[in-house]
Amino acid sequence: MNMQIKVGIKNLSKMKYFLAFISILLGSFAQYLLKKGITDVTRVSNGFIQLFKNSVSNISLIIGLSFYALSMVFWLYVLSKMQLSKAYPMVSLGYVFTLILGYLLLDESLSGFKLIGIMLVICGVVFISRG
């Protein structure tokens, strides 16, 4: 193989991991925005009809759903380039990112057990991706 082809293959390999990471981050931010949006909507809604009307115009919910859609587009590309058994375990990193976002932006608790769980998830993803 010539040098250009080797470099191109290596860059493609890095790209699929980068896009997987972006997809997972988008999904985590989508969760944050959905939580923020529905919390705001339920504060001012009285009943299901009003909840629905307020939800469709809530900017956090709209952006959160858009992030999910964009995340799915990236994820479909990743699935087209990676083995499912390597790609899908990386989705569990979404738990890590979402927990951190909840702690930083929603004032949620971060206990020792949660920190140990984060470390175990990360270790699991590393082991599976190398196998």
C-alpha atoms as a PDB file:
ATOM      1  CA  MET A   1       0.000   0.000   0.000  1.00  0.00           C
ATOM      2  CA  ASN A   2       1.268   3.443  -0.728  1.00  0.00           C
ATOM      3  CA  MET A   3       1.628   6.068   1.992  1.00  0.00           C
ATOM      4  CA  GLN A   4      -1.447   8.138   0.944  1.00  0.00           C
ATOM      5  CA  ILE A   5      -3.776   5.161   1.213  1.00  0.00           C
ATOM      6  CA  LYS A   6      -2.421   4.240   4.660  1.00  0.00           C
ATOM      7  CA  VAL A   7      -2.898   7.815   5.893  1.00  0.00           C
ATOM      8  CA  GLY A   8      -6.409   7.931   4.406  1.00  0.00           C
ATOM      9  CA  ILE A   9      -7.419   4.697   6.136  1.00  0.00           C
ATOM     10  CA  LYS A  10      -6.005   5.911   9.446  1.00  0.00           C
ATOM     11  CA  ASN A  11      -7.892   9.226   9.134  1.00  0.00           C
ATOM     12  CA  LEU A  12     -11.141   7.383   8.326  1.00  0.00           C
ATOM     13  CA  SER A  13     -10.672   5.263  11.427  1.00  0.00           C
ATOM     14  CA  LYS A  14     -10.198   8.383  13.571  1.00  0.00           C
ATOM     15  CA  MET A  15     -13.166  10.079  11.894  1.00  0.00           C
ATOM     16  CA  LYS A  16     -15.641   7.336  12.802  1.00  0.00           C
ATOM     17  CA  TYR A  17     -14.607   7.556  16.461  1.00  0.00           C
ATOM     18  CA  PHE A  18     -14.807  11.348  16.363  1.00  0.00           C
ATOM     19  CA  LEU A  19     -18.303  11.240  14.839  1.00  0.00           C
ATOM     20  CA  ALA A  20     -19.392   8.633  17.387  1.00  0.00           C
ATOM     21  CA  PHE A  21     -18.191  10.974  20.128  1.00  0.00           C
ATOM     22  CA  ILE A  22     -20.073  13.930  18.576  1.00  0.00           C
ATOM     23  CA  SER A  23     -23.224  11.821  18.237  1.00  0.00           C
ATOM     24  CA  ILE A  24     -23.060  10.765  21.873  1.00  0.00           C
ATOM     25  CA  LEU A  25     -22.408  14.331  23.054  1.00  0.00           C
ATOM     26  CA  LEU A  26     -25.349  15.619  21.018  1.00  0.00           C
ATOM     27  CA  GLY A  27     -27.558  12.953  22.594  1.00  0.00           C
ATOM     28  CA  SER A  28     -26.426  13.986  26.066  1.00  0.00           C
ATOM     29  CA  PHE A  29     -27.054  17.671  25.424  1.00  0.00           C
ATOM     30  CA  ALA A  30     -30.436  16.687  23.968  1.00  0.00           C
ATOM     31  CA  GLN A  31     -31.281  14.993  27.280  1.00  0.00           C
ATOM     32  CA  TYR A  32     -30.295  18.102  29.207  1.00  0.00           C
ATOM     33  CA  LEU A  33     -32.388  20.356  26.955  1.00  0.00           C
ATOM     34  CA  LEU A  34     -35.393  18.025  27.114  1.00  0.00           C
ATOM     35  CA  LYS A  35     -35.204  17.974  30.920  1.00  0.00           C
ATOM     36  CA  LYS A  36     -34.859  21.765  31.069  1.00  0.00           C
ATOM     37  CA  GLY A  37     -37.667  22.299  28.576  1.00  0.00           C
ATOM     38  CA  ILE A  38     -40.178  19.945  30.136  1.00  0.00           C
ATOM     39  CA  THR A  39     -39.404  21.321  33.608  1.00  0.00           C
ATOM     40  CA  ASP A  40     -40.139  24.835  32.337  1.00  0.00           C
ATOM     41  CA  VAL A  41     -43.309  23.693  30.554  1.00  0.00           C
ATOM     42  CA  THR A  42     -44.747  21.782  33.514  1.00  0.00           C
ATOM     43  CA  ARG A  43     -44.338  24.850  35.728  1.00  0.00           C
ATOM     44  CA  VAL A  44     -46.769  26.846  33.590  1.00  0.00           C
ATOM     45  CA  SER A  45     -49.072  24.125  32.241  1.00  0.00           C
ATOM     46  CA  ASN A  46     -52.291  22.952  33.770  1.00  0.00           C
ATOM     47  CA  GLY A  47     -53.512  19.782  32.084  1.00  0.00           C
ATOM     48  CA  PHE A  48     -52.414  17.725  29.108  1.00  0.00           C
ATOM     49  CA  ILE A  49     -53.709  20.019  26.335  1.00  0.00           C
ATOM     50  CA  GLN A  50     -51.937  23.062  27.747  1.00  0.00           C
ATOM     51  CA  LEU A  51     -48.799  20.958  28.359  1.00  0.00           C
ATOM     52  CA  PHE A  52     -48.823  19.911  24.696  1.00  0.00           C
ATOM     53  CA  LYS A  53     -49.377  23.457  23.430  1.00  0.00           C
ATOM     54  CA  ASN A  54     -46.597  24.852  25.607  1.00  0.00           C
ATOM     55  CA  SER A  55     -44.244  21.993  24.644  1.00  0.00           C
ATOM     56  CA  VAL A  56     -44.407  22.554  20.889  1.00  0.00           C
ATOM     57  CA  SER A  57     -43.304  26.158  21.318  1.00  0.00           C
ATOM     58  CA  ASN A  58     -40.622  25.615  23.974  1.00  0.00           C
ATOM     59  CA  ILE A  59     -37.217  26.434  22.506  1.00  0.00           C
ATOM     60  CA  SER A  60     -35.327  24.014  24.775  1.00  0.00           C
ATOM     61  CA  LEU A  61     -37.542  21.131  23.688  1.00  0.00           C
ATOM     62  CA  ILE A  62     -37.264  22.094  20.026  1.00  0.00           C
ATOM     63  CA  ILE A  63     -33.456  22.333  20.171  1.00  0.00           C
ATOM     64  CA  GLY A  64     -33.251  19.125  22.221  1.00  0.00           C
ATOM     65  CA  LEU A  65     -35.262  17.202  19.627  1.00  0.00           C
ATOM     66  CA  SER A  66     -33.131  18.735  16.870  1.00  0.00           C
ATOM     67  CA  PHE A  67     -29.977  17.581  18.657  1.00  0.00           C
ATOM     68  CA  TYR A  68     -31.414  14.068  18.811  1.00  0.00           C
ATOM     69  CA  ALA A  69     -32.118  14.117  15.082  1.00  0.00           C
ATOM     70  CA  LEU A  70     -28.618  15.352  14.291  1.00  0.00           C
ATOM     71  CA  SER A  71     -27.158  12.779  16.675  1.00  0.00           C
ATOM     72  CA  MET A  72     -29.005  10.050  14.791  1.00  0.00           C
ATOM     73  CA  VAL A  73     -27.587  11.210  11.438  1.00  0.00           C
ATOM     74  CA  PHE A  74     -24.036  11.038  12.798  1.00  0.00           C
ATOM     75  CA  TRP A  75     -24.758   7.689  14.444  1.00  0.00           C
ATOM     76  CA  LEU A  76     -26.038   6.170  11.209  1.00  0.00           C
ATOM     77  CA  TYR A  77     -22.767   7.123   9.539  1.00  0.00           C
ATOM     78  CA  VAL A  78     -20.824   5.547  12.415  1.00  0.00           C
ATOM     79  CA  LEU A  79     -22.848   2.342  12.092  1.00  0.00           C
ATOM     80  CA  SER A  80     -22.068   2.221   8.393  1.00  0.00           C
ATOM     81  CA  LYS A  81     -18.320   2.266   9.160  1.00  0.00           C
ATOM     82  CA  MET A  82     -17.990   0.248  12.383  1.00  0.00           C
ATOM     83  CA  GLN A  83     -18.890  -3.142  13.741  1.00  0.00           C
ATOM     84  CA  LEU A  84     -22.047  -2.904  15.829  1.00  0.00           C
ATOM     85  CA  SER A  85     -20.357  -4.783  18.679  1.00  0.00           C
ATOM     86  CA  LYS A  86     -17.735  -2.010  18.907  1.00  0.00           C
ATOM     87  CA  ALA A  87     -19.944   0.980  18.144  1.00  0.00           C
ATOM     88  CA  TYR A  88     -22.927   0.368  20.400  1.00  0.00           C
ATOM     89  CA  PRO A  89     -21.054   0.041  23.711  1.00  0.00           C
ATOM     90  CA  MET A  90     -19.737   3.569  23.135  1.00  0.00           C
ATOM     91  CA  VAL A  91     -23.312   4.810  23.551  1.00  0.00           C
ATOM     92  CA  SER A  92     -22.921   4.090  27.267  1.00  0.00           C
ATOM     93  CA  LEU A  93     -20.599   7.104  27.407  1.00  0.00           C
ATOM     94  CA  GLY A  94     -23.819   9.079  27.105  1.00  0.00           C
ATOM     95  CA  TYR A  95     -24.524   8.093  30.724  1.00  0.00           C
ATOM     96  CA  VAL A  96     -21.219   9.664  31.723  1.00  0.00           C
ATOM     97  CA  PHE A  97     -21.785  12.897  29.806  1.00  0.00           C
ATOM     98  CA  THR A  98     -25.407  13.193  30.937  1.00  0.00           C
ATOM     99  CA  LEU A  99     -24.461  12.666  34.571  1.00  0.00           C
ATOM    100  CA  ILE A 100     -21.819  15.396  34.300  1.00  0.00           C
ATOM    101  CA  LEU A 101     -24.265  17.778  32.581  1.00  0.00           C
ATOM    102  CA  GLY A 102     -26.851  17.098  35.283  1.00  0.00           C
ATOM    103  CA  TYR A 103     -24.298  17.888  37.946  1.00  0.00           C
ATOM    104  CA  LEU A 104     -22.986  21.053  36.254  1.00  0.00           C
ATOM    105  CA  LEU A 105     -26.194  22.503  34.814  1.00  0.00           C
ATOM    106  CA  LEU A 106     -29.073  21.064  36.851  1.00  0.00           C
ATOM    107  CA  ASP A 107     -27.454  21.011  40.290  1.00  0.00           C
ATOM    108  CA  GLU A 108     -27.890  17.227  40.565  1.00  0.00           C
ATOM    109  CA  SER A 109     -25.851  15.227  43.065  1.00  0.00           C
ATOM    110  CA  LEU A 110     -22.595  13.460  42.223  1.00  0.00           C
ATOM    111  CA  SER A 111     -21.874  10.762  44.799  1.00  0.00           C
ATOM    112  CA  GLY A 112     -18.911   8.473  45.189  1.00  0.00           C
ATOM    113  CA  PHE A 113     -20.966   5.602  43.779  1.00  0.00           C
ATOM    114  CA  LYS A 114     -21.754   7.630  40.673  1.00  0.00           C
ATOM    115  CA  LEU A 115     -18.070   8.456  40.203  1.00  0.00           C
ATOM    116  CA  ILE A 116     -17.151   4.771  40.510  1.00  0.00           C
ATOM    117  CA  GLY A 117     -19.893   3.966  38.013  1.00  0.00           C
ATOM    118  CA  ILE A 118     -18.477   6.524  35.580  1.00  0.00           C
ATOM    119  CA  MET A 119     -15.036   4.947  35.843  1.00  0.00           C
ATOM    120  CA  LEU A 120     -16.455   1.448  35.290  1.00  0.00           C
ATOM    121  CA  VAL A 121     -18.404   2.563  32.211  1.00  0.00           C
ATOM    122  CA  ILE A 122     -15.324   4.209  30.716  1.00  0.00           C
ATOM    123  CA  CYS A 123     -13.203   1.125  31.426  1.00  0.00           C
ATOM    124  CA  GLY A 124     -15.835  -1.102  29.832  1.00  0.00           C
ATOM    125  CA  VAL A 125     -15.943   0.986  26.677  1.00  0.00           C
ATOM    126  CA  VAL A 126     -12.141   0.948  26.414  1.00  0.00           C
ATOM    127  CA  PHE A 127     -11.980  -2.834  26.857  1.00  0.00           C
ATOM    128  CA  ILE A 128     -14.713  -3.508  24.326  1.00  0.00           C
ATOM    129  CA  SER A 129     -13.299  -1.104  21.737  1.00  0.00           C
ATOM    130  CA  ARG A 130      -9.897  -2.822  21.901  1.00  0.00           C
ATOM    131  CA  GLY A 131     -11.291  -6.349  21.686  1.00  0.00           C
END
